[in-house]
């Protein structure tokens, strides 16, 4: 899913924002999304598999959840003009993949020093 989200973001109307294929790791004690404002990062996929129920023939029906986080920061006082449009575009990434029973997108923001940090969590769920 990470690669599909990356492909979706590459086609985004980024304007002042940049995109990095790097993972949002910490370099010299500072997360890259704080060190490089206006750069969008996509984290590794997180997988969870939970048993829903077991059939009489010992077949297990599972719920598989894949979560991908998109994170970026910008100046909290001077938010770029396209911030709202970009966030809306990124939230629509929940619709890019078929084969899932449910897809959700949530957004959270926080202020760190003078930066507004935006984290968009895309959650894809299927029954397997």
N, C-alpha and C. Protein backbone atom coordinates (compact mmCIF):
# COMPACT_ATOMS: atom_id res chain seq x y z
N UNK A 1 0.81 -1.19 0.00
CA UNK A 1 0.00 0.00 0.00
C UNK A 1 0.86 1.26 0.00
N UNK A 2 2.01 1.20 0.64
CA UNK A 2 2.87 2.39 0.70
C UNK A 2 3.21 2.88 -0.70
N UNK A 3 3.55 1.96 -1.58
CA UNK A 3 3.93 2.35 -2.95
C UNK A 3 2.75 2.97 -3.69
N UNK A 4 1.55 2.44 -3.48
CA UNK A 4 0.37 3.01 -4.12
C UNK A 4 0.08 4.41 -3.60
N UNK A 5 0.27 4.62 -2.31
CA UNK A 5 0.08 5.96 -1.73
C UNK A 5 1.14 6.91 -2.28
N UNK A 6 2.37 6.45 -2.39
CA UNK A 6 3.44 7.28 -2.97
C UNK A 6 3.10 7.68 -4.39
N UNK A 7 2.65 6.71 -5.21
CA UNK A 7 2.28 7.02 -6.59
C UNK A 7 1.16 8.05 -6.64
N UNK A 8 0.22 7.95 -5.71
CA UNK A 8 -0.89 8.90 -5.64
C UNK A 8 -0.39 10.30 -5.29
N UNK A 9 0.54 10.39 -4.34
CA UNK A 9 1.05 11.69 -3.91
C UNK A 9 1.89 12.34 -5.00
N UNK A 10 2.65 11.55 -5.74
CA UNK A 10 3.49 12.10 -6.80
C UNK A 10 2.63 12.86 -7.81
N UNK A 11 1.39 12.43 -8.00
CA UNK A 11 0.48 13.10 -8.94
C UNK A 11 -0.27 14.27 -8.30
N UNK A 12 0.00 14.56 -7.04
CA UNK A 12 -0.73 15.61 -6.30
C UNK A 12 -0.32 17.01 -6.75
N UNK A 13 -1.23 17.96 -6.60
CA UNK A 13 -0.89 19.37 -6.86
C UNK A 13 -0.14 19.95 -5.65
N UNK A 14 1.13 19.66 -5.54
CA UNK A 14 1.91 19.98 -4.35
C UNK A 14 2.22 21.47 -4.18
N UNK A 15 2.35 22.20 -5.25
CA UNK A 15 2.71 23.62 -5.25
C UNK A 15 3.95 23.85 -4.38
N UNK A 16 3.83 24.47 -3.21
CA UNK A 16 5.00 24.79 -2.37
C UNK A 16 5.56 23.58 -1.65
N UNK A 17 4.79 22.49 -1.56
CA UNK A 17 5.25 21.31 -0.84
C UNK A 17 6.14 20.46 -1.73
N UNK A 18 7.03 19.71 -1.09
CA UNK A 18 7.89 18.75 -1.77
C UNK A 18 7.49 17.35 -1.31
N UNK A 19 7.99 16.35 -1.98
CA UNK A 19 7.72 14.98 -1.60
C UNK A 19 9.04 14.22 -1.52
N UNK A 20 9.17 13.39 -0.48
CA UNK A 20 10.36 12.56 -0.33
C UNK A 20 9.95 11.10 -0.22
N UNK A 21 10.68 10.25 -0.91
CA UNK A 21 10.43 8.80 -0.82
C UNK A 21 11.06 8.20 0.43
N UNK A 22 11.84 9.00 1.16
CA UNK A 22 12.46 8.52 2.39
C UNK A 22 11.40 8.25 3.45
N UNK A 23 11.72 7.35 4.35
CA UNK A 23 10.86 7.14 5.51
C UNK A 23 11.06 8.30 6.48
N UNK A 24 10.03 8.64 7.24
CA UNK A 24 10.15 9.78 8.17
C UNK A 24 10.90 9.41 9.44
N UNK A 25 12.18 9.09 9.28
CA UNK A 25 12.99 8.67 10.42
C UNK A 25 13.57 9.88 11.14
N UNK A 26 14.31 9.63 12.19
CA UNK A 26 14.93 10.69 12.98
C UNK A 26 16.40 10.80 12.59
N UNK A 27 16.85 12.02 12.31
CA UNK A 27 18.23 12.26 11.95
C UNK A 27 18.82 13.27 12.93
N UNK A 28 19.89 12.87 13.61
CA UNK A 28 20.53 13.73 14.61
C UNK A 28 19.54 14.21 15.67
N UNK A 29 18.65 13.34 16.08
CA UNK A 29 17.71 13.66 17.14
C UNK A 29 16.46 14.41 16.72
N UNK A 30 16.35 14.74 15.45
CA UNK A 30 15.17 15.48 14.97
C UNK A 30 14.46 14.69 13.88
N UNK A 31 13.15 14.53 14.00
CA UNK A 31 12.40 13.85 12.93
C UNK A 31 12.53 14.63 11.62
N UNK A 32 12.64 13.91 10.52
CA UNK A 32 12.83 14.57 9.23
C UNK A 32 11.69 15.52 8.88
N UNK A 33 10.47 15.17 9.27
CA UNK A 33 9.35 16.07 8.92
C UNK A 33 9.43 17.40 9.67
N UNK A 34 10.17 17.45 10.78
CA UNK A 34 10.40 18.72 11.48
C UNK A 34 11.64 19.42 10.94
N UNK A 35 12.60 18.64 10.54
CA UNK A 35 13.85 19.18 10.01
C UNK A 35 13.64 19.77 8.61
N UNK A 36 12.71 19.18 7.86
CA UNK A 36 12.45 19.60 6.48
C UNK A 36 10.98 19.99 6.32
N UNK A 37 10.59 21.16 6.80
CA UNK A 37 9.19 21.57 6.63
C UNK A 37 8.82 21.62 5.14
N UNK A 38 7.54 21.48 4.87
CA UNK A 38 6.99 21.50 3.52
C UNK A 38 7.41 20.28 2.70
N UNK A 39 7.88 19.23 3.37
CA UNK A 39 8.22 17.98 2.70
C UNK A 39 7.31 16.89 3.24
N UNK A 40 6.67 16.17 2.33
CA UNK A 40 5.71 15.12 2.69
C UNK A 40 6.44 13.78 2.72
N UNK A 41 6.21 13.02 3.80
CA UNK A 41 6.81 11.70 3.98
C UNK A 41 5.71 10.66 4.16
N UNK A 42 5.98 9.45 3.70
CA UNK A 42 5.05 8.33 3.87
C UNK A 42 5.77 7.26 4.68
N UNK A 43 5.18 6.88 5.80
CA UNK A 43 5.78 5.89 6.69
C UNK A 43 5.54 4.47 6.17
N UNK A 44 6.24 3.51 6.76
CA UNK A 44 6.06 2.10 6.43
C UNK A 44 4.64 1.65 6.78
N UNK A 45 4.20 0.63 6.09
CA UNK A 45 2.89 0.05 6.39
C UNK A 45 2.92 -0.66 7.73
N UNK A 46 1.82 -0.59 8.43
CA UNK A 46 1.64 -1.32 9.67
C UNK A 46 0.50 -2.31 9.43
N UNK A 47 0.76 -3.58 9.71
CA UNK A 47 -0.24 -4.64 9.47
C UNK A 47 -0.73 -5.19 10.80
N UNK A 48 -2.03 -5.47 10.86
CA UNK A 48 -2.61 -6.18 11.99
C UNK A 48 -3.55 -7.23 11.44
N UNK A 49 -3.52 -8.40 12.05
CA UNK A 49 -4.42 -9.48 11.65
C UNK A 49 -5.08 -10.03 12.90
N UNK A 50 -6.40 -9.98 12.92
CA UNK A 50 -7.17 -10.47 14.05
C UNK A 50 -8.18 -11.49 13.56
N UNK A 51 -8.31 -12.59 14.32
CA UNK A 51 -9.29 -13.62 13.96
C UNK A 51 -10.69 -13.12 14.25
N UNK A 52 -11.54 -13.24 13.25
CA UNK A 52 -12.93 -12.85 13.42
C UNK A 52 -13.72 -14.03 13.97
N UNK A 53 -13.57 -15.20 13.31
CA UNK A 53 -14.16 -16.44 13.83
C UNK A 53 -13.57 -17.63 13.10
N UNK A 54 -13.77 -18.80 13.67
CA UNK A 54 -13.27 -20.05 13.11
C UNK A 54 -14.47 -20.88 12.67
N UNK A 55 -14.38 -21.44 11.48
CA UNK A 55 -15.48 -22.25 10.96
C UNK A 55 -15.34 -23.69 11.46
N UNK A 56 -16.36 -24.50 11.17
CA UNK A 56 -16.34 -25.90 11.61
C UNK A 56 -15.20 -26.69 10.97
N UNK A 57 -14.79 -26.32 9.78
CA UNK A 57 -13.71 -27.02 9.10
C UNK A 57 -12.34 -26.48 9.44
N UNK A 58 -12.19 -25.82 10.57
CA UNK A 58 -10.93 -25.23 11.04
C UNK A 58 -10.40 -24.13 10.12
N UNK A 59 -11.25 -23.53 9.34
CA UNK A 59 -10.86 -22.38 8.55
C UNK A 59 -11.07 -21.14 9.42
N UNK A 60 -10.10 -20.26 9.44
CA UNK A 60 -10.21 -19.04 10.23
C UNK A 60 -10.48 -17.87 9.30
N UNK A 61 -11.46 -17.08 9.67
CA UNK A 61 -11.75 -15.84 8.94
C UNK A 61 -11.11 -14.71 9.74
N UNK A 62 -10.24 -13.95 9.07
CA UNK A 62 -9.49 -12.89 9.74
C UNK A 62 -9.87 -11.51 9.21
N UNK A 63 -9.66 -10.53 10.04
CA UNK A 63 -9.73 -9.13 9.63
C UNK A 63 -8.29 -8.64 9.53
N UNK A 64 -7.90 -8.19 8.33
CA UNK A 64 -6.55 -7.71 8.09
C UNK A 64 -6.62 -6.20 7.89
N UNK A 65 -5.85 -5.47 8.69
CA UNK A 65 -5.84 -4.02 8.64
C UNK A 65 -4.44 -3.55 8.24
N UNK A 66 -4.39 -2.69 7.24
CA UNK A 66 -3.13 -2.08 6.80
C UNK A 66 -3.25 -0.58 7.03
N UNK A 67 -2.27 -0.02 7.73
CA UNK A 67 -2.27 1.41 8.04
C UNK A 67 -1.03 2.05 7.43
N UNK A 68 -1.25 3.17 6.76
CA UNK A 68 -0.16 3.95 6.17
C UNK A 68 -0.32 5.39 6.66
N UNK A 69 0.76 5.97 7.17
CA UNK A 69 0.72 7.35 7.66
C UNK A 69 1.47 8.27 6.72
N UNK A 70 0.87 9.42 6.47
CA UNK A 70 1.48 10.49 5.67
C UNK A 70 1.68 11.65 6.63
N UNK A 71 2.91 12.17 6.68
CA UNK A 71 3.21 13.21 7.66
C UNK A 71 4.02 14.33 7.01
N UNK A 72 3.70 15.56 7.40
CA UNK A 72 4.44 16.72 6.92
C UNK A 72 4.23 17.88 7.89
N UNK A 73 5.05 18.91 7.75
CA UNK A 73 4.93 20.09 8.61
C UNK A 73 5.05 21.34 7.77
N UNK A 74 4.55 22.42 8.32
CA UNK A 74 4.69 23.74 7.71
C UNK A 74 4.67 24.79 8.81
N UNK A 75 5.04 25.99 8.46
CA UNK A 75 5.04 27.10 9.41
C UNK A 75 3.63 27.28 9.95
N UNK A 76 3.49 27.30 11.25
CA UNK A 76 2.17 27.41 11.88
C UNK A 76 1.54 28.79 11.65
N UNK A 77 2.36 29.81 11.52
CA UNK A 77 1.83 31.17 11.35
C UNK A 77 1.49 31.49 9.90
N UNK A 78 2.19 30.88 8.97
CA UNK A 78 2.02 31.16 7.54
C UNK A 78 1.74 29.87 6.78
N UNK A 79 0.55 29.35 6.97
CA UNK A 79 0.17 28.11 6.30
C UNK A 79 0.06 28.38 4.80
N UNK A 80 0.66 27.51 3.97
CA UNK A 80 0.55 27.70 2.52
C UNK A 80 -0.91 27.73 2.06
N UNK A 81 -1.17 28.48 1.00
CA UNK A 81 -2.53 28.65 0.47
C UNK A 81 -3.19 27.33 0.09
N UNK A 82 -2.40 26.37 -0.35
CA UNK A 82 -2.99 25.11 -0.82
C UNK A 82 -3.07 24.04 0.28
N UNK A 83 -2.85 24.42 1.54
CA UNK A 83 -2.86 23.44 2.63
C UNK A 83 -4.17 22.65 2.68
N UNK A 84 -5.29 23.33 2.70
CA UNK A 84 -6.59 22.66 2.80
C UNK A 84 -6.86 21.74 1.62
N UNK A 85 -6.55 22.22 0.42
CA UNK A 85 -6.74 21.40 -0.77
C UNK A 85 -5.83 20.18 -0.76
N UNK A 86 -4.60 20.35 -0.31
CA UNK A 86 -3.67 19.23 -0.25
C UNK A 86 -4.13 18.19 0.77
N UNK A 87 -4.58 18.64 1.93
CA UNK A 87 -5.07 17.70 2.95
C UNK A 87 -6.27 16.93 2.42
N UNK A 88 -7.19 17.62 1.76
CA UNK A 88 -8.35 16.94 1.17
C UNK A 88 -7.92 15.91 0.14
N UNK A 89 -6.96 16.28 -0.70
CA UNK A 89 -6.44 15.37 -1.71
C UNK A 89 -5.81 14.13 -1.05
N UNK A 90 -5.00 14.35 -0.02
CA UNK A 90 -4.33 13.24 0.65
C UNK A 90 -5.32 12.32 1.37
N UNK A 91 -6.38 12.87 1.94
CA UNK A 91 -7.40 12.05 2.58
C UNK A 91 -8.11 11.14 1.58
N UNK A 92 -8.21 11.58 0.34
CA UNK A 92 -8.85 10.77 -0.70
C UNK A 92 -7.99 9.57 -1.10
N UNK A 93 -6.77 9.50 -0.62
CA UNK A 93 -5.92 8.34 -0.90
C UNK A 93 -6.53 7.06 -0.33
N UNK A 94 -7.48 7.19 0.56
CA UNK A 94 -8.16 6.00 1.09
C UNK A 94 -8.91 5.26 0.00
N UNK A 95 -9.20 5.93 -1.11
CA UNK A 95 -9.99 5.34 -2.19
C UNK A 95 -9.15 4.78 -3.33
N UNK A 96 -7.83 4.73 -3.19
CA UNK A 96 -6.99 4.38 -4.33
C UNK A 96 -6.87 2.88 -4.58
N UNK A 97 -7.20 2.07 -3.61
CA UNK A 97 -6.99 0.63 -3.76
C UNK A 97 -8.30 -0.13 -3.65
N UNK A 98 -8.46 -1.11 -4.52
CA UNK A 98 -9.63 -1.98 -4.44
C UNK A 98 -9.30 -3.22 -3.62
N UNK A 99 -10.30 -4.05 -3.40
CA UNK A 99 -10.08 -5.29 -2.68
C UNK A 99 -10.19 -5.17 -1.17
N UNK A 100 -10.57 -4.00 -0.70
CA UNK A 100 -10.73 -3.79 0.74
C UNK A 100 -12.21 -3.62 1.06
N UNK A 101 -12.62 -4.10 2.22
CA UNK A 101 -14.00 -3.96 2.65
C UNK A 101 -14.29 -2.58 3.21
N UNK A 102 -13.24 -1.91 3.71
CA UNK A 102 -13.42 -0.59 4.30
C UNK A 102 -12.11 0.18 4.17
N UNK A 103 -12.23 1.48 4.01
CA UNK A 103 -11.05 2.35 3.97
C UNK A 103 -11.41 3.65 4.69
N UNK A 104 -10.56 4.08 5.59
CA UNK A 104 -10.80 5.28 6.38
C UNK A 104 -9.57 6.19 6.32
N UNK A 105 -9.81 7.46 6.41
CA UNK A 105 -8.73 8.43 6.50
C UNK A 105 -9.00 9.38 7.64
N UNK A 106 -8.02 9.56 8.52
CA UNK A 106 -8.16 10.50 9.62
C UNK A 106 -6.99 11.47 9.61
N UNK A 107 -7.26 12.66 10.10
CA UNK A 107 -6.23 13.69 10.14
C UNK A 107 -6.06 14.17 11.57
N UNK A 108 -4.81 14.39 11.94
CA UNK A 108 -4.53 15.00 13.23
C UNK A 108 -3.44 16.05 13.01
N UNK A 109 -3.52 17.10 13.78
CA UNK A 109 -2.51 18.15 13.70
C UNK A 109 -2.04 18.51 15.10
N UNK A 110 -0.82 18.95 15.19
CA UNK A 110 -0.28 19.43 16.45
C UNK A 110 0.74 20.52 16.14
N UNK A 111 0.98 21.36 17.10
CA UNK A 111 1.99 22.41 16.96
C UNK A 111 3.23 21.97 17.72
N UNK A 112 4.36 21.93 17.01
CA UNK A 112 5.65 21.59 17.60
C UNK A 112 6.57 22.78 17.33
N UNK A 113 6.97 23.46 18.39
CA UNK A 113 7.72 24.71 18.26
C UNK A 113 6.90 25.68 17.40
N UNK A 114 7.40 26.08 16.26
CA UNK A 114 6.64 27.00 15.40
C UNK A 114 6.09 26.30 14.16
N UNK A 115 6.05 24.96 14.19
CA UNK A 115 5.57 24.18 13.05
C UNK A 115 4.24 23.51 13.33
N UNK A 116 3.39 23.52 12.34
CA UNK A 116 2.15 22.75 12.39
C UNK A 116 2.44 21.41 11.74
N UNK A 117 2.30 20.32 12.51
CA UNK A 117 2.57 18.98 12.01
C UNK A 117 1.23 18.32 11.68
N UNK A 118 1.11 17.84 10.47
CA UNK A 118 -0.11 17.18 10.01
C UNK A 118 0.19 15.72 9.77
N UNK A 119 -0.62 14.85 10.37
CA UNK A 119 -0.48 13.41 10.20
C UNK A 119 -1.80 12.87 9.65
N UNK A 120 -1.74 12.26 8.48
CA UNK A 120 -2.91 11.67 7.86
C UNK A 120 -2.72 10.17 7.92
N UNK A 121 -3.65 9.51 8.59
CA UNK A 121 -3.58 8.05 8.76
C UNK A 121 -4.61 7.41 7.84
N UNK A 122 -4.13 6.57 6.94
CA UNK A 122 -4.99 5.85 6.00
C UNK A 122 -5.08 4.39 6.47
N UNK A 123 -6.30 3.93 6.72
CA UNK A 123 -6.51 2.58 7.26
C UNK A 123 -7.37 1.79 6.28
N UNK A 124 -6.81 0.69 5.79
CA UNK A 124 -7.48 -0.18 4.84
C UNK A 124 -7.78 -1.51 5.54
N UNK A 125 -9.03 -1.97 5.45
CA UNK A 125 -9.44 -3.19 6.14
C UNK A 125 -10.09 -4.16 5.16
N UNK A 126 -9.73 -5.44 5.29
CA UNK A 126 -10.38 -6.47 4.49
C UNK A 126 -10.56 -7.72 5.32
N UNK A 127 -11.53 -8.52 4.91
CA UNK A 127 -11.79 -9.81 5.54
C UNK A 127 -11.12 -10.87 4.68
N UNK A 128 -10.27 -11.67 5.31
CA UNK A 128 -9.52 -12.69 4.56
C UNK A 128 -9.74 -14.06 5.16
